[in-house]
């Protein structure tokens, strides 16, 4: 079973507790980041990002310091850990969204990752003085990099976007999505993404459960592309709002995007239930590159489906199924 706990206090305090919970895992995995830091240019880029965080995202920086201190590991190595662009770290996910005839949304997301274990992930509730965030948090990532929801009624899922463009002078995508999780509205989210440059591209699917409005935002290095979701929507891990040619080795994201869009069109919007969207994301064949669901029992050295996050705005019900930890979490946003 995956960890499930609450944190509160300052950003540093919350980061410290998360780091303490992941201490054993982080102390075993931090060596590769320490070795990478010995490269002068890498160290320079990490320290440059640290200076930017002091000005642009000081609270996030304090959380990172807390994560490092709680795990009793190097702060510099921890900063590098949250700079996935240097390692060219790739995450794979698929999201599907459907607006029913009654106007309410169904939202479902498969989280895929290569290095998941029950020791390096947790469902964490971050309790602030006047709001909270619940996020799927990995030891080597910040909340927001997969899926999360907050007490303002916003539901998020994040999709890595494969792109050849990387700018290591900008803030990493892990840090930018972490800041977005504090947003009170979709408008605030868009403003934040408009006002910052990121090191690599990513996508956010956002549902405002109170206003019943859903959008997708593709964040490029210095621009954003917003898609209003009026009917049904599905995406994987490449740009869809601008022309983009995928290389041959990105067959999985191309297939997942095409197949999920094909299957979501077959769902009856009048009688749809959240199980219909989960069934779309459970699509599987004997071919890894022609499956949406990546079974952990079949693949040991590839990205696999580690969890499903689903929300039904009719019932206000959130369900998180952790496929490796045999864990189901349910929450009602009413």
C-alpha atoms as a PDB file:
ATOM      1  CA  UNK A   1       0.000   0.000   0.000  1.00  0.00           C
ATOM      2  CA  UNK A   2       1.293   3.472  -0.863  1.00  0.00           C
ATOM      3  CA  UNK A   3       1.902   6.083   1.809  1.00  0.00           C
ATOM      4  CA  UNK A   4      -0.993   8.397   2.664  1.00  0.00           C
ATOM      5  CA  UNK A   5      -0.390  11.303   5.022  1.00  0.00           C
ATOM      6  CA  UNK A   6      -0.964  15.016   5.753  1.00  0.00           C
ATOM      7  CA  UNK A   7       1.541  17.848   6.134  1.00  0.00           C
ATOM      8  CA  UNK A   8       1.065  21.384   7.421  1.00  0.00           C
ATOM      9  CA  UNK A   9       2.964  24.466   8.574  1.00  0.00           C
ATOM     10  CA  UNK A  10       5.347  26.494   6.420  1.00  0.00           C
ATOM     11  CA  UNK A  11       6.462  25.348   2.988  1.00  0.00           C
ATOM     12  CA  UNK A  12       9.736  24.274   4.570  1.00  0.00           C
ATOM     13  CA  UNK A  13       7.875  22.306   7.263  1.00  0.00           C
ATOM     14  CA  UNK A  14       5.764  20.475   4.684  1.00  0.00           C
ATOM     15  CA  UNK A  15       8.766  19.695   2.518  1.00  0.00           C
ATOM     16  CA  UNK A  16      10.664  18.426   5.557  1.00  0.00           C
ATOM     17  CA  UNK A  17       7.965  15.898   6.463  1.00  0.00           C
ATOM     18  CA  UNK A  18       7.706  14.645   2.866  1.00  0.00           C
ATOM     19  CA  UNK A  19      11.506  14.288   2.736  1.00  0.00           C
ATOM     20  CA  UNK A  20      11.496  12.411   6.042  1.00  0.00           C
ATOM     21  CA  UNK A  21       8.848   9.998   4.734  1.00  0.00           C
ATOM     22  CA  UNK A  22      10.961   9.291   1.635  1.00  0.00           C
ATOM     23  CA  UNK A  23      14.286   9.359   3.483  1.00  0.00           C
ATOM     24  CA  UNK A  24      15.352   5.749   2.917  1.00  0.00           C
ATOM     25  CA  UNK A  25      14.568   5.869  -0.783  1.00  0.00           C
ATOM     26  CA  UNK A  26      16.151   9.282  -1.376  1.00  0.00           C
ATOM     27  CA  UNK A  27      19.365   8.430   0.426  1.00  0.00           C
ATOM     28  CA  UNK A  28      19.777   5.440  -1.882  1.00  0.00           C
ATOM     29  CA  UNK A  29      18.941   7.331  -5.081  1.00  0.00           C
ATOM     30  CA  UNK A  30      20.645  10.700  -4.523  1.00  0.00           C
ATOM     31  CA  UNK A  31      24.111   9.494  -5.582  1.00  0.00           C
ATOM     32  CA  UNK A  32      23.385   9.815  -9.312  1.00  0.00           C
ATOM     33  CA  UNK A  33      22.430  13.458  -8.820  1.00  0.00           C
ATOM     34  CA  UNK A  34      25.536  14.141  -6.733  1.00  0.00           C
ATOM     35  CA  UNK A  35      27.688  12.639  -9.480  1.00  0.00           C
ATOM     36  CA  UNK A  36      25.991  14.774 -12.138  1.00  0.00           C
ATOM     37  CA  UNK A  37      26.615  17.898 -10.044  1.00  0.00           C
ATOM     38  CA  UNK A  38      30.379  17.359 -10.427  1.00  0.00           C
ATOM     39  CA  UNK A  39      30.011  18.543 -14.026  1.00  0.00           C
ATOM     40  CA  UNK A  40      30.745  22.268 -13.847  1.00  0.00           C
ATOM     41  CA  UNK A  41      28.104  23.318 -16.349  1.00  0.00           C
ATOM     42  CA  UNK A  42      25.407  21.256 -14.595  1.00  0.00           C
ATOM     43  CA  UNK A  43      26.303  22.769 -11.236  1.00  0.00           C
ATOM     44  CA  UNK A  44      26.175  26.241 -12.778  1.00  0.00           C
ATOM     45  CA  UNK A  45      22.697  25.620 -14.252  1.00  0.00           C
ATOM     46  CA  UNK A  46      21.387  24.320 -10.912  1.00  0.00           C
ATOM     47  CA  UNK A  47      22.721  27.336  -9.007  1.00  0.00           C
ATOM     48  CA  UNK A  48      21.287  29.636 -11.664  1.00  0.00           C
ATOM     49  CA  UNK A  49      17.862  28.057 -11.193  1.00  0.00           C
ATOM     50  CA  UNK A  50      18.219  28.399  -7.421  1.00  0.00           C
ATOM     51  CA  UNK A  51      18.764  32.157  -7.804  1.00  0.00           C
ATOM     52  CA  UNK A  52      15.710  32.416 -10.064  1.00  0.00           C
ATOM     53  CA  UNK A  53      13.617  30.515  -7.511  1.00  0.00           C
ATOM     54  CA  UNK A  54      14.651  32.902  -4.747  1.00  0.00           C
ATOM     55  CA  UNK A  55      13.020  35.692  -6.757  1.00  0.00           C
ATOM     56  CA  UNK A  56      10.201  33.993  -8.663  1.00  0.00           C
ATOM     57  CA  UNK A  57       9.160  31.018  -6.513  1.00  0.00           C
ATOM     58  CA  UNK A  58      10.629  31.447  -3.020  1.00  0.00           C
ATOM     59  CA  UNK A  59       7.983  29.304  -1.328  1.00  0.00           C
ATOM     60  CA  UNK A  60       8.664  26.421  -3.689  1.00  0.00           C
ATOM     61  CA  UNK A  61      12.375  26.764  -2.997  1.00  0.00           C
ATOM     62  CA  UNK A  62      11.702  26.514   0.738  1.00  0.00           C
ATOM     63  CA  UNK A  63       9.702  23.332   0.152  1.00  0.00           C
ATOM     64  CA  UNK A  64      12.632  21.875  -1.798  1.00  0.00           C
ATOM     65  CA  UNK A  65      15.061  22.794   0.981  1.00  0.00           C
ATOM     66  CA  UNK A  66      12.713  21.088   3.427  1.00  0.00           C
ATOM     67  CA  UNK A  67      12.552  17.952   1.256  1.00  0.00           C
ATOM     68  CA  UNK A  68      16.353  17.796   1.237  1.00  0.00           C
ATOM     69  CA  UNK A  69      16.785  18.428   4.961  1.00  0.00           C
ATOM     70  CA  UNK A  70      14.036  15.981   5.906  1.00  0.00           C
ATOM     71  CA  UNK A  71      15.788  13.255   3.932  1.00  0.00           C
ATOM     72  CA  UNK A  72      19.218  14.405   5.120  1.00  0.00           C
ATOM     73  CA  UNK A  73      20.540  14.786   1.583  1.00  0.00           C
ATOM     74  CA  UNK A  74      22.288  17.598  -0.311  1.00  0.00           C
ATOM     75  CA  UNK A  75      20.155  20.635  -1.150  1.00  0.00           C
ATOM     76  CA  UNK A  76      22.012  21.138  -4.434  1.00  0.00           C
ATOM     77  CA  UNK A  77      21.483  17.503  -5.440  1.00  0.00           C
ATOM     78  CA  UNK A  78      17.788  17.839  -4.555  1.00  0.00           C
ATOM     79  CA  UNK A  79      17.479  20.926  -6.752  1.00  0.00           C
ATOM     80  CA  UNK A  80      19.011  18.925  -9.601  1.00  0.00           C
ATOM     81  CA  UNK A  81      16.542  16.104  -8.909  1.00  0.00           C
ATOM     82  CA  UNK A  82      13.723  18.562  -9.608  1.00  0.00           C
ATOM     83  CA  UNK A  83      15.403  19.675 -12.844  1.00  0.00           C
ATOM     84  CA  UNK A  84      14.342  16.754 -15.101  1.00  0.00           C
ATOM     85  CA  UNK A  85      15.416  18.540 -18.270  1.00  0.00           C
ATOM     86  CA  UNK A  86      19.080  17.951 -17.441  1.00  0.00           C
ATOM     87  CA  UNK A  87      18.524  14.193 -17.254  1.00  0.00           C
ATOM     88  CA  UNK A  88      16.058  14.309 -20.154  1.00  0.00           C
ATOM     89  CA  UNK A  89      13.588  12.514 -17.898  1.00  0.00           C
ATOM     90  CA  UNK A  90      10.476  11.410 -19.782  1.00  0.00           C
ATOM     91  CA  UNK A  91       7.073  10.743 -18.217  1.00  0.00           C
ATOM     92  CA  UNK A  92       4.134   9.205 -20.057  1.00  0.00           C
ATOM     93  CA  UNK A  93       0.439   9.692 -19.269  1.00  0.00           C
ATOM     94  CA  UNK A  94      -3.000   9.722 -20.910  1.00  0.00           C
ATOM     95  CA  UNK A  95      -6.007  11.879 -19.984  1.00  0.00           C
ATOM     96  CA  UNK A  96      -9.618  11.713 -21.194  1.00  0.00           C
ATOM     97  CA  UNK A  97     -12.403  14.206 -20.413  1.00  0.00           C
ATOM     98  CA  UNK A  98     -16.097  14.082 -21.355  1.00  0.00           C
ATOM     99  CA  UNK A  99     -18.828  16.687 -20.936  1.00  0.00           C
ATOM    100  CA  UNK A 100     -22.152  14.932 -20.437  1.00  0.00           C
ATOM    101  CA  UNK A 101     -25.433  16.137 -21.905  1.00  0.00           C
ATOM    102  CA  UNK A 102     -26.415  17.515 -18.487  1.00  0.00           C
ATOM    103  CA  UNK A 103     -23.343  19.770 -18.603  1.00  0.00           C
ATOM    104  CA  UNK A 104     -21.274  17.969 -15.954  1.00  0.00           C
ATOM    105  CA  UNK A 105     -17.786  16.632 -16.640  1.00  0.00           C
ATOM    106  CA  UNK A 106     -16.154  13.250 -16.243  1.00  0.00           C
ATOM    107  CA  UNK A 107     -12.365  13.330 -15.939  1.00  0.00           C
ATOM    108  CA  UNK A 108      -9.924  10.400 -15.929  1.00  0.00           C
ATOM    109  CA  UNK A 109      -6.126  10.154 -16.076  1.00  0.00           C
ATOM    110  CA  UNK A 110      -3.650   7.267 -16.280  1.00  0.00           C
ATOM    111  CA  UNK A 111      -0.289   8.008 -14.651  1.00  0.00           C
ATOM    112  CA  UNK A 112       2.595   6.189 -16.327  1.00  0.00           C
ATOM    113  CA  UNK A 113       6.141   6.057 -15.006  1.00  0.00           C
ATOM    114  CA  UNK A 114       9.198   3.842 -15.352  1.00  0.00           C
ATOM    115  CA  UNK A 115      10.740   4.068 -11.886  1.00  0.00           C
ATOM    116  CA  UNK A 116       7.714   3.701  -9.618  1.00  0.00           C
ATOM    117  CA  UNK A 117       7.785   1.585  -6.465  1.00  0.00           C
ATOM    118  CA  UNK A 118       5.582   1.623  -3.396  1.00  0.00           C
ATOM    119  CA  UNK A 119       8.556   3.153  -1.562  1.00  0.00           C
ATOM    120  CA  UNK A 120       8.815   6.323  -3.646  1.00  0.00           C
ATOM    121  CA  UNK A 121       5.237   7.578  -3.976  1.00  0.00           C
ATOM    122  CA  UNK A 122       2.614   8.944  -1.607  1.00  0.00           C
ATOM    123  CA  UNK A 123      -0.785  10.591  -1.625  1.00  0.00           C
ATOM    124  CA  UNK A 124      -0.131  13.753   0.360  1.00  0.00           C
ATOM    125  CA  UNK A 125      -2.528  16.388   1.696  1.00  0.00           C
ATOM    126  CA  UNK A 126      -0.821  19.770   1.985  1.00  0.00           C
ATOM    127  CA  UNK A 127      -2.778  21.786   4.570  1.00  0.00           C
ATOM    128  CA  UNK A 128      -2.340  25.553   4.439  1.00  0.00           C
ATOM    129  CA  UNK A 129      -4.053  28.048   6.735  1.00  0.00           C
ATOM    130  CA  UNK A 130      -7.053  28.604   4.457  1.00  0.00           C
ATOM    131  CA  UNK A 131      -6.870  25.925   1.741  1.00  0.00           C
ATOM    132  CA  UNK A 132      -5.436  22.504   0.955  1.00  0.00           C
ATOM    133  CA  UNK A 133      -4.031  20.469  -1.917  1.00  0.00           C
ATOM    134  CA  UNK A 134      -4.128  16.688  -2.288  1.00  0.00           C
ATOM    135  CA  UNK A 135      -1.486  15.465  -4.708  1.00  0.00           C
ATOM    136  CA  UNK A 136       0.115  12.279  -5.941  1.00  0.00           C
ATOM    137  CA  UNK A 137       3.684  12.940  -4.857  1.00  0.00           C
ATOM    138  CA  UNK A 138       6.764  11.006  -5.887  1.00  0.00           C
ATOM    139  CA  UNK A 139      10.070  11.152  -4.016  1.00  0.00           C
ATOM    140  CA  UNK A 140      11.855  12.532  -7.072  1.00  0.00           C
ATOM    141  CA  UNK A 141       9.038  14.832  -8.218  1.00  0.00           C
ATOM    142  CA  UNK A 142       6.924  17.619  -6.774  1.00  0.00           C
ATOM    143  CA  UNK A 143       3.154  17.524  -6.405  1.00  0.00           C
ATOM    144  CA  UNK A 144       1.500  18.557  -9.656  1.00  0.00           C
ATOM    145  CA  UNK A 145       3.697  16.459 -11.902  1.00  0.00           C
ATOM    146  CA  UNK A 146       0.973  13.809 -12.141  1.00  0.00           C
ATOM    147  CA  UNK A 147      -2.480  14.642 -10.691  1.00  0.00           C
ATOM    148  CA  UNK A 148      -3.894  16.693  -7.849  1.00  0.00           C
ATOM    149  CA  UNK A 149      -6.946  18.608  -6.616  1.00  0.00           C
ATOM    150  CA  UNK A 150      -7.437  21.490  -4.212  1.00  0.00           C
ATOM    151  CA  UNK A 151     -10.087  22.983  -1.931  1.00  0.00           C
ATOM    152  CA  UNK A 152     -10.788  25.762  -4.442  1.00  0.00           C
ATOM    153  CA  UNK A 153     -12.462  23.079  -6.551  1.00  0.00           C
ATOM    154  CA  UNK A 154      -9.747  22.691  -9.178  1.00  0.00           C
ATOM    155  CA  UNK A 155      -8.792  19.257 -10.498  1.00  0.00           C
ATOM    156  CA  UNK A 156      -5.505  18.841 -12.388  1.00  0.00           C
ATOM    157  CA  UNK A 157      -3.658  16.245 -14.401  1.00  0.00           C
ATOM    158  CA  UNK A 158      -0.284  16.802 -16.024  1.00  0.00           C
ATOM    159  CA  UNK A 159       1.122  15.327 -19.227  1.00  0.00           C
ATOM    160  CA  UNK A 160       4.772  15.548 -20.189  1.00  0.00           C
ATOM    161  CA  UNK A 161       5.181  16.797 -23.776  1.00  0.00           C
ATOM    162  CA  UNK A 162       8.005  15.380 -25.848  1.00  0.00           C
ATOM    163  CA  UNK A 163       9.890  18.190 -27.568  1.00  0.00           C
ATOM    164  CA  UNK A 164      13.384  18.692 -28.913  1.00  0.00           C
ATOM    165  CA  UNK A 165      13.530  22.206 -27.461  1.00  0.00           C
ATOM    166  CA  UNK A 166      14.952  22.561 -23.951  1.00  0.00           C
ATOM    167  CA  UNK A 167      16.136  25.780 -22.325  1.00  0.00           C
ATOM    168  CA  UNK A 168      18.108  25.079 -19.166  1.00  0.00           C
ATOM    169  CA  UNK A 169      18.143  28.783 -18.311  1.00  0.00           C
ATOM    170  CA  UNK A 170      14.448  28.558 -17.371  1.00  0.00           C
ATOM    171  CA  UNK A 171      12.527  27.071 -14.452  1.00  0.00           C
ATOM    172  CA  UNK A 172      11.996  23.295 -14.607  1.00  0.00           C
ATOM    173  CA  UNK A 173       8.547  21.966 -15.392  1.00  0.00           C
ATOM    174  CA  UNK A 174       8.320  20.167 -12.021  1.00  0.00           C
ATOM    175  CA  UNK A 175       8.633  23.482 -10.202  1.00  0.00           C
ATOM    176  CA  UNK A 176       6.224  25.357 -12.440  1.00  0.00           C
ATOM    177  CA  UNK A 177       3.426  22.806 -12.076  1.00  0.00           C
ATOM    178  CA  UNK A 178       3.966  22.753  -8.303  1.00  0.00           C
ATOM    179  CA  UNK A 179       3.266  26.480  -8.139  1.00  0.00           C
ATOM    180  CA  UNK A 180       0.132  26.106 -10.258  1.00  0.00           C
ATOM    181  CA  UNK A 181      -1.395  23.715  -7.715  1.00  0.00           C
ATOM    182  CA  UNK A 182      -1.959  26.731  -5.411  1.00  0.00           C
ATOM    183  CA  UNK A 183      -4.186  28.479  -7.968  1.00  0.00           C
ATOM    184  CA  UNK A 184      -7.671  29.591  -6.962  1.00  0.00           C
ATOM    185  CA  UNK A 185      -9.067  29.600 -10.505  1.00  0.00           C
ATOM    186  CA  UNK A 186      -8.405  28.623 -14.097  1.00  0.00           C
ATOM    187  CA  UNK A 187      -7.762  32.292 -14.863  1.00  0.00           C
ATOM    188  CA  UNK A 188      -5.024  32.444 -12.215  1.00  0.00           C
ATOM    189  CA  UNK A 189      -3.459  29.290 -13.636  1.00  0.00           C
ATOM    190  CA  UNK A 190      -3.322  30.764 -17.142  1.00  0.00           C
ATOM    191  CA  UNK A 191      -1.837  33.999 -15.782  1.00  0.00           C
ATOM    192  CA  UNK A 192       0.909  32.107 -13.959  1.00  0.00           C
ATOM    193  CA  UNK A 193       1.803  30.082 -17.039  1.00  0.00           C
ATOM    194  CA  UNK A 194       1.783  33.183 -19.228  1.00  0.00           C
ATOM    195  CA  UNK A 195       4.148  35.040 -16.946  1.00  0.00           C
ATOM    196  CA  UNK A 196       6.936  32.432 -16.706  1.00  0.00           C
ATOM    197  CA  UNK A 197       9.283  30.655 -19.070  1.00  0.00           C
ATOM    198  CA  UNK A 198       9.810  26.929 -18.593  1.00  0.00           C
ATOM    199  CA  UNK A 199      12.754  24.666 -19.400  1.00  0.00           C
ATOM    200  CA  UNK A 200      10.641  22.087 -21.261  1.00  0.00           C
ATOM    201  CA  UNK A 201       7.086  21.681 -22.479  1.00  0.00           C
ATOM    202  CA  UNK A 202       4.186  20.139 -20.577  1.00  0.00           C
ATOM    203  CA  UNK A 203       0.405  20.022 -20.643  1.00  0.00           C
ATOM    204  CA  UNK A 204      -2.144  20.650 -17.891  1.00  0.00           C
ATOM    205  CA  UNK A 205      -5.733  19.446 -17.953  1.00  0.00           C
ATOM    206  CA  UNK A 206      -7.792  21.567 -15.570  1.00  0.00           C
ATOM    207  CA  UNK A 207     -11.387  21.206 -14.392  1.00  0.00           C
ATOM    208  CA  UNK A 208     -13.077  23.869 -12.297  1.00  0.00           C
ATOM    209  CA  UNK A 209     -15.619  21.704 -10.468  1.00  0.00           C
ATOM    210  CA  UNK A 210     -17.574  24.703  -9.131  1.00  0.00           C
ATOM    211  CA  UNK A 211     -18.007  26.534 -12.427  1.00  0.00           C
ATOM    212  CA  UNK A 212     -18.051  23.257 -14.385  1.00  0.00           C
ATOM    213  CA  UNK A 213     -15.487  24.478 -16.910  1.00  0.00           C
ATOM    214  CA  UNK A 214     -12.625  22.412 -18.336  1.00  0.00           C
ATOM    215  CA  UNK A 215      -9.577  23.395 -20.376  1.00  0.00           C
ATOM    216  CA  UNK A 216      -6.297  22.002 -21.606  1.00  0.00           C
ATOM    217  CA  UNK A 217      -3.197  24.198 -21.524  1.00  0.00           C
ATOM    218  CA  UNK A 218      -0.075  23.296 -23.452  1.00  0.00           C
ATOM    219  CA  UNK A 219       2.861  25.214 -22.020  1.00  0.00           C
ATOM    220  CA  UNK A 220       5.696  25.696 -24.481  1.00  0.00           C
ATOM    221  CA  UNK A 221       9.036  27.222 -23.517  1.00  0.00           C
ATOM    222  CA  UNK A 222       7.629  30.750 -23.530  1.00  0.00           C
ATOM    223  CA  UNK A 223       4.096  30.482 -24.890  1.00  0.00           C
ATOM    224  CA  UNK A 224       0.865  28.745 -23.939  1.00  0.00           C
ATOM    225  CA  UNK A 225      -1.928  27.240 -26.028  1.00  0.00           C
ATOM    226  CA  UNK A 226      -5.365  27.008 -24.416  1.00  0.00           C
ATOM    227  CA  UNK A 227      -8.098  24.618 -25.572  1.00  0.00           C
ATOM    228  CA  UNK A 228     -11.609  24.988 -24.133  1.00  0.00           C
ATOM    229  CA  UNK A 229     -13.192  21.556 -23.701  1.00  0.00           C
ATOM    230  CA  UNK A 230     -16.807  21.769 -24.831  1.00  0.00           C
ATOM    231  CA  UNK A 231     -17.594  18.142 -25.583  1.00  0.00           C
ATOM    232  CA  UNK A 232     -14.898  15.453 -25.237  1.00  0.00           C
ATOM    233  CA  UNK A 233     -11.132  15.494 -25.179  1.00  0.00           C
ATOM    234  CA  UNK A 234      -8.207  13.077 -25.002  1.00  0.00           C
ATOM    235  CA  UNK A 235      -4.449  13.508 -25.065  1.00  0.00           C
ATOM    236  CA  UNK A 236      -1.126  11.801 -24.500  1.00  0.00           C
ATOM    237  CA  UNK A 237       2.409  13.259 -24.620  1.00  0.00           C
ATOM    238  CA  UNK A 238       2.895  15.486 -27.653  1.00  0.00           C
ATOM    239  CA  UNK A 239       1.718  18.880 -28.872  1.00  0.00           C
ATOM    240  CA  UNK A 240      -1.809  18.940 -30.296  1.00  0.00           C
ATOM    241  CA  UNK A 241      -2.372  22.714 -30.519  1.00  0.00           C
ATOM    242  CA  UNK A 242       0.358  23.333 -33.075  1.00  0.00           C
ATOM    243  CA  UNK A 243       1.895  21.431 -35.953  1.00  0.00           C
ATOM    244  CA  UNK A 244       4.396  18.956 -34.683  1.00  0.00           C
ATOM    245  CA  UNK A 245       6.122  15.970 -36.270  1.00  0.00           C
ATOM    246  CA  UNK A 246       6.769  13.069 -33.912  1.00  0.00           C
ATOM    247  CA  UNK A 247       9.943  11.015 -34.385  1.00  0.00           C
ATOM    248  CA  UNK A 248       9.646   7.311 -35.074  1.00  0.00           C
ATOM    249  CA  UNK A 249      10.532   6.280 -31.524  1.00  0.00           C
ATOM    250  CA  UNK A 250       7.434   8.031 -30.110  1.00  0.00           C
ATOM    251  CA  UNK A 251       4.971   5.410 -31.313  1.00  0.00           C
ATOM    252  CA  UNK A 252       3.377   4.957 -27.899  1.00  0.00           C
ATOM    253  CA  UNK A 253       2.248   8.558 -27.452  1.00  0.00           C
ATOM    254  CA  UNK A 254       0.945   8.720 -31.032  1.00  0.00           C
ATOM    255  CA  UNK A 255      -1.075   5.537 -30.574  1.00  0.00           C
ATOM    256  CA  UNK A 256      -2.436   6.461 -27.133  1.00  0.00           C
ATOM    257  CA  UNK A 257      -3.549   9.857 -28.389  1.00  0.00           C
ATOM    258  CA  UNK A 258      -5.259   8.487 -31.504  1.00  0.00           C
ATOM    259  CA  UNK A 259      -6.874   5.500 -29.768  1.00  0.00           C
ATOM    260  CA  UNK A 260      -8.146   7.444 -26.751  1.00  0.00           C
ATOM    261  CA  UNK A 261      -9.685  10.059 -29.059  1.00  0.00           C
ATOM    262  CA  UNK A 262     -11.274   7.288 -31.115  1.00  0.00           C
ATOM    263  CA  UNK A 263     -12.728   5.510 -28.067  1.00  0.00           C
ATOM    264  CA  UNK A 264     -13.959   8.620 -26.249  1.00  0.00           C
ATOM    265  CA  UNK A 265     -16.071   9.462 -29.304  1.00  0.00           C
ATOM    266  CA  UNK A 266     -17.954   6.163 -28.836  1.00  0.00           C
ATOM    267  CA  UNK A 267     -19.056   7.007 -25.278  1.00  0.00           C
ATOM    268  CA  UNK A 268     -22.727   8.003 -24.991  1.00  0.00           C
ATOM    269  CA  UNK A 269     -22.633  11.478 -23.440  1.00  0.00           C
ATOM    270  CA  UNK A 270     -26.198  11.161 -22.149  1.00  0.00           C
ATOM    271  CA  UNK A 271     -25.690   8.018 -20.091  1.00  0.00           C
ATOM    272  CA  UNK A 272     -21.932   8.101 -19.553  1.00  0.00           C
ATOM    273  CA  UNK A 273     -20.431   7.059 -16.239  1.00  0.00           C
ATOM    274  CA  UNK A 274     -16.879   7.439 -14.986  1.00  0.00           C
ATOM    275  CA  UNK A 275     -16.345   3.716 -15.619  1.00  0.00           C
ATOM    276  CA  UNK A 276     -16.716   4.427 -19.351  1.00  0.00           C
ATOM    277  CA  UNK A 277     -13.692   6.729 -19.276  1.00  0.00           C
ATOM    278  CA  UNK A 278     -11.694   4.285 -17.164  1.00  0.00           C
ATOM    279  CA  UNK A 279     -12.513   1.581 -19.739  1.00  0.00           C
ATOM    280  CA  UNK A 280     -11.038   3.823 -22.457  1.00  0.00           C
ATOM    281  CA  UNK A 281      -7.824   4.133 -20.459  1.00  0.00           C
ATOM    282  CA  UNK A 282      -7.799   0.383 -19.810  1.00  0.00           C
ATOM    283  CA  UNK A 283      -7.472  -0.380 -23.526  1.00  0.00           C
ATOM    284  CA  UNK A 284      -4.736  -2.989 -23.972  1.00  0.00           C
ATOM    285  CA  UNK A 285      -3.325  -5.291 -26.635  1.00  0.00           C
ATOM    286  CA  UNK A 286      -0.366  -7.651 -26.729  1.00  0.00           C
ATOM    287  CA  UNK A 287       1.710  -4.859 -28.246  1.00  0.00           C
ATOM    288  CA  UNK A 288       3.182  -2.356 -25.762  1.00  0.00           C
ATOM    289  CA  UNK A 289       3.154   0.463 -28.324  1.00  0.00           C
ATOM    290  CA  UNK A 290      -0.480  -0.233 -29.203  1.00  0.00           C
ATOM    291  CA  UNK A 291      -1.857  -0.157 -25.667  1.00  0.00           C
ATOM    292  CA  UNK A 292      -3.106   2.708 -23.524  1.00  0.00           C
ATOM    293  CA  UNK A 293      -2.853   0.721 -20.299  1.00  0.00           C
ATOM    294  CA  UNK A 294       0.685  -0.501 -19.643  1.00  0.00           C
ATOM    295  CA  UNK A 295       0.469  -3.530 -17.359  1.00  0.00           C
ATOM    296  CA  UNK A 296       3.124  -3.642 -14.625  1.00  0.00           C
ATOM    297  CA  UNK A 297       3.002  -7.437 -14.629  1.00  0.00           C
ATOM    298  CA  UNK A 298       4.170  -7.557 -18.241  1.00  0.00           C
ATOM    299  CA  UNK A 299       6.825  -4.873 -18.492  1.00  0.00           C
ATOM    300  CA  UNK A 300       9.777  -4.542 -16.139  1.00  0.00           C
ATOM    301  CA  UNK A 301      12.019  -2.141 -18.037  1.00  0.00           C
ATOM    302  CA  UNK A 302       9.505   0.265 -19.588  1.00  0.00           C
ATOM    303  CA  UNK A 303       7.127   2.975 -18.470  1.00  0.00           C
ATOM    304  CA  UNK A 304       4.040   1.332 -16.913  1.00  0.00           C
ATOM    305  CA  UNK A 305       0.636   2.512 -15.706  1.00  0.00           C
ATOM    306  CA  UNK A 306       1.031   3.066 -11.981  1.00  0.00           C
ATOM    307  CA  UNK A 307      -2.270   4.720 -11.063  1.00  0.00           C
ATOM    308  CA  UNK A 308      -5.610   6.012 -12.316  1.00  0.00           C
ATOM    309  CA  UNK A 309      -7.187   9.250 -11.122  1.00  0.00           C
ATOM    310  CA  UNK A 310     -10.879   9.814 -11.891  1.00  0.00           C
ATOM    311  CA  UNK A 311     -13.451  12.481 -11.037  1.00  0.00           C
ATOM    312  CA  UNK A 312     -17.231  12.500 -11.552  1.00  0.00           C
ATOM    313  CA  UNK A 313     -18.693  16.023 -11.299  1.00  0.00           C
ATOM    314  CA  UNK A 314     -22.238  14.629 -11.027  1.00  0.00           C
ATOM    315  CA  UNK A 315     -21.388  12.878  -7.790  1.00  0.00           C
ATOM    316  CA  UNK A 316     -18.393  15.097  -6.861  1.00  0.00           C
ATOM    317  CA  UNK A 317     -16.494  11.836  -6.304  1.00  0.00           C
ATOM    318  CA  UNK A 318     -12.752  11.383  -6.707  1.00  0.00           C
ATOM    319  CA  UNK A 319     -11.316   7.882  -6.964  1.00  0.00           C
ATOM    320  CA  UNK A 320      -7.603   7.075  -7.093  1.00  0.00           C
ATOM    321  CA  UNK A 321      -6.588   3.522  -7.929  1.00  0.00           C
ATOM    322  CA  UNK A 322      -2.960   2.651  -7.279  1.00  0.00           C
ATOM    323  CA  UNK A 323      -2.243  -0.370  -9.461  1.00  0.00           C
ATOM    324  CA  UNK A 324       1.000  -1.496  -7.838  1.00  0.00           C
ATOM    325  CA  UNK A 325       0.181  -0.759  -4.210  1.00  0.00           C
ATOM    326  CA  UNK A 326      -3.278  -2.356  -4.308  1.00  0.00           C
ATOM    327  CA  UNK A 327      -4.722   0.861  -2.903  1.00  0.00           C
ATOM    328  CA  UNK A 328      -7.979   2.728  -3.567  1.00  0.00           C
ATOM    329  CA  UNK A 329      -8.588   6.253  -2.252  1.00  0.00           C
ATOM    330  CA  UNK A 330     -12.011   7.928  -2.430  1.00  0.00           C
ATOM    331  CA  UNK A 331     -12.859  11.543  -1.682  1.00  0.00           C
ATOM    332  CA  UNK A 332     -15.981  13.688  -2.091  1.00  0.00           C
ATOM    333  CA  UNK A 333     -15.534  17.354  -3.029  1.00  0.00           C
ATOM    334  CA  UNK A 334     -18.954  18.435  -1.751  1.00  0.00           C
END
